[in-house]
Amino acid sequence: MSKLTHLDSDGRARMVDVSDKPSTAREAVAAGRILMQPETLALAISGQGKKGEVMAVAQLAGVMAAKRTSDLIPMCHPLAISSVKVQVDPSTDGSGLAVTARVKTTGPTGVEMEAMTAVSVALLTLYDMLKAADKAMVIEAVRLISKSGGASGDFQRPEA
């Protein structure tokens, strides 16, 4: 296992110094899902719930969250994000909703945390907006799908 970059030589938490790193194009894609009853899914897709179009609100919440990641995750750098795209779609197996976020920047550090924060908050927003219909929903599988750019190179999650 490689050295943890957010710990100094004495084991104290620290923000990584990226001042000497070159700015490069960076992109990260993350995904997750929320499982729910078929009736709840139908309600979410219809846009006729008491709180309105839940999928559109969740997408907006994900974009907003990506932009605020450094306020939520202590060692994240504030970034000039150039693009955030959050998509909410019915899962292919009909078990709920799938959320995907794609975040881009040009800078000295990556946007993996911004992509995963966008997915997490979009999923939490879906739960909040649908909980009156289904409190047993389950949020799961929030994960990094891919990242490009930076010294650590590219990453692509193998298909399961």
Protein backbone atom coordinates (compact mmCIF):
# COMPACT_ATOMS: atom_id res chain seq x y z
CA MET A 1 0.00 0.00 0.00
CA SER A 2 1.30 3.47 -0.85
CA LYS A 3 1.93 6.23 1.68
CA LEU A 4 -1.17 8.19 2.69
CA THR A 5 -0.72 11.72 1.34
CA HIS A 6 -2.97 13.42 3.91
CA LEU A 7 -0.74 12.44 6.86
CA ASP A 8 2.57 14.11 7.70
CA SER A 9 5.65 12.23 8.96
CA ASP A 10 4.26 12.36 12.51
CA GLY A 11 0.89 10.95 11.48
CA ARG A 12 -0.99 14.26 11.74
CA ALA A 13 -3.65 15.17 9.21
CA ARG A 14 -2.60 17.78 6.66
CA MET A 15 -3.74 19.29 3.42
CA VAL A 16 -1.46 18.19 0.58
CA ASP A 17 0.68 21.00 -0.83
CA VAL A 18 -0.12 21.13 -4.56
CA SER A 19 1.64 24.46 -5.24
CA ASP A 20 4.42 22.80 -7.28
CA LYS A 21 2.16 20.48 -9.26
CA PRO A 22 1.40 21.41 -12.86
CA SER A 23 -2.16 22.21 -13.91
CA THR A 24 -3.50 19.46 -16.13
CA ALA A 25 -6.92 18.45 -17.43
CA ARG A 26 -8.64 16.21 -14.89
CA GLU A 27 -11.91 14.32 -14.97
CA ALA A 28 -13.67 11.93 -12.63
CA VAL A 29 -16.83 9.86 -12.95
CA ALA A 30 -18.65 8.41 -9.94
CA ALA A 31 -21.87 6.45 -9.56
CA GLY A 32 -24.27 5.08 -6.96
CA ARG A 33 -27.85 3.94 -6.62
CA ILE A 34 -30.88 4.00 -4.40
CA LEU A 35 -33.05 0.91 -4.15
CA MET A 36 -36.81 1.32 -3.63
CA GLN A 37 -40.19 -0.32 -4.01
CA PRO A 38 -41.64 -0.39 -7.56
CA GLU A 39 -44.42 2.00 -6.51
CA THR A 40 -41.88 4.50 -5.23
CA LEU A 41 -39.88 4.25 -8.44
CA ALA A 42 -43.03 4.89 -10.48
CA LEU A 43 -43.73 7.96 -8.35
CA ALA A 44 -40.18 9.26 -8.85
CA ILE A 45 -40.30 8.74 -12.61
CA SER A 46 -43.73 10.35 -12.96
CA GLY A 47 -42.63 13.62 -11.37
CA GLN A 48 -46.02 13.73 -9.64
CA GLY A 49 -44.82 13.38 -6.05
CA LYS A 50 -45.78 15.89 -3.38
CA LYS A 51 -42.33 17.47 -3.64
CA GLY A 52 -42.34 17.71 -7.44
CA GLU A 53 -39.83 16.38 -9.95
CA VAL A 54 -37.50 14.55 -7.62
CA MET A 55 -35.03 13.46 -10.30
CA ALA A 56 -34.45 17.03 -11.53
CA VAL A 57 -34.04 18.34 -7.98
CA ALA A 58 -31.55 15.57 -7.18
CA GLN A 59 -29.49 16.42 -10.27
CA LEU A 60 -29.35 20.08 -9.20
CA ALA A 61 -28.42 19.10 -5.63
CA GLY A 62 -25.55 16.98 -6.99
CA VAL A 63 -24.18 19.89 -9.02
CA MET A 64 -24.39 22.18 -6.01
CA ALA A 65 -22.67 19.59 -3.81
CA ALA A 66 -19.74 19.14 -6.20
CA LYS A 67 -19.10 22.88 -6.00
CA ARG A 68 -19.09 22.77 -2.17
CA THR A 69 -16.96 19.65 -1.64
CA SER A 70 -14.09 21.52 -0.01
CA ASP A 71 -16.55 22.85 2.58
CA LEU A 72 -17.56 19.29 3.50
CA ILE A 73 -14.37 17.22 3.23
CA PRO A 74 -11.68 18.75 5.47
CA MET A 75 -8.56 18.12 3.36
CA CYS A 76 -10.06 18.85 -0.08
CA HIS A 77 -8.79 21.87 -1.96
CA PRO A 78 -11.26 24.42 -3.28
CA LEU A 79 -11.25 23.90 -7.04
CA ALA A 80 -12.24 25.86 -10.10
CA ILE A 81 -14.59 23.25 -11.54
CA SER A 82 -15.15 23.65 -15.26
CA SER A 83 -18.02 21.16 -15.64
CA VAL A 84 -20.37 19.09 -13.49
CA LYS A 85 -22.94 16.78 -15.02
CA VAL A 86 -25.23 14.72 -12.80
CA GLN A 87 -27.63 12.20 -14.31
CA VAL A 88 -30.44 10.34 -12.53
CA ASP A 89 -31.99 7.41 -14.40
CA PRO A 90 -34.05 4.35 -13.55
CA SER A 91 -31.78 1.37 -12.83
CA THR A 92 -31.59 -1.09 -15.69
CA ASP A 93 -32.94 -3.85 -13.43
CA GLY A 94 -35.91 -1.76 -12.23
CA SER A 95 -34.77 -1.78 -8.59
CA GLY A 96 -34.51 1.97 -8.15
CA LEU A 97 -32.60 4.95 -9.46
CA ALA A 98 -28.98 5.19 -10.61
CA VAL A 99 -26.96 8.40 -10.25
CA THR A 100 -23.85 9.23 -12.25
CA ALA A 101 -21.70 12.35 -11.92
CA ARG A 102 -18.94 13.58 -14.24
CA VAL A 103 -16.73 16.43 -12.99
CA LYS A 104 -13.97 18.24 -14.90
CA THR A 105 -11.31 20.80 -14.04
CA THR A 106 -7.90 21.96 -15.14
CA GLY A 107 -5.69 22.21 -12.11
CA PRO A 108 -3.05 20.67 -9.85
CA THR A 109 -5.35 18.17 -8.12
CA GLY A 110 -8.13 15.80 -9.12
CA VAL A 111 -11.92 15.88 -8.84
CA GLU A 112 -12.67 12.38 -7.55
CA MET A 113 -14.09 13.68 -4.27
CA GLU A 114 -16.25 16.21 -6.09
CA ALA A 115 -17.75 13.47 -8.28
CA MET A 116 -18.43 11.18 -5.32
CA THR A 117 -19.87 14.05 -3.27
CA ALA A 118 -22.19 14.94 -6.15
CA VAL A 119 -23.46 11.35 -6.31
CA SER A 120 -23.86 11.07 -2.53
CA VAL A 121 -25.85 14.28 -2.17
CA ALA A 122 -28.02 13.50 -5.19
CA LEU A 123 -28.85 10.13 -3.61
CA LEU A 124 -29.58 11.71 -0.23
CA THR A 125 -31.84 14.23 -1.96
CA LEU A 126 -33.75 11.39 -3.63
CA TYR A 127 -34.18 9.73 -0.24
CA ASP A 128 -35.38 12.98 1.32
CA MET A 129 -37.90 13.65 -1.42
CA LEU A 130 -39.26 10.09 -1.51
CA LYS A 131 -39.11 9.06 2.15
CA ALA A 132 -42.80 9.79 2.72
CA ALA A 133 -43.56 6.98 0.27
CA ASP A 134 -40.78 4.54 1.21
CA LYS A 135 -38.62 4.82 4.34
CA ALA A 136 -36.98 1.45 3.60
CA MET A 137 -35.00 2.74 0.59
CA VAL A 138 -31.32 1.80 0.55
CA ILE A 139 -28.47 3.94 -0.78
CA GLU A 140 -25.57 1.81 -1.96
CA ALA A 141 -22.54 1.38 -4.18
CA VAL A 142 -21.24 4.95 -4.24
CA ARG A 143 -17.95 4.49 -6.03
CA LEU A 144 -15.38 6.02 -8.36
CA ILE A 145 -15.86 4.69 -11.89
CA SER A 146 -12.94 6.43 -13.57
CA LYS A 147 -10.49 9.29 -13.31
CA SER A 148 -8.01 10.80 -15.69
CA GLY A 149 -5.11 13.20 -15.34
CA GLY A 150 -2.54 13.76 -12.66
CA ALA A 151 0.64 12.08 -11.49
CA SER A 152 -1.12 8.91 -10.33
CA GLY A 153 -2.38 8.30 -13.86
CA ASP A 154 -5.71 7.09 -15.12
CA PHE A 155 -8.06 4.73 -13.31
CA GLN A 156 -10.91 2.68 -14.75
CA ARG A 157 -13.00 0.46 -12.48
CA PRO A 158 -13.19 -3.05 -13.92
CA GLU A 159 -16.72 -4.14 -14.82
CA ALA A 160 -18.16 -6.47 -12.20
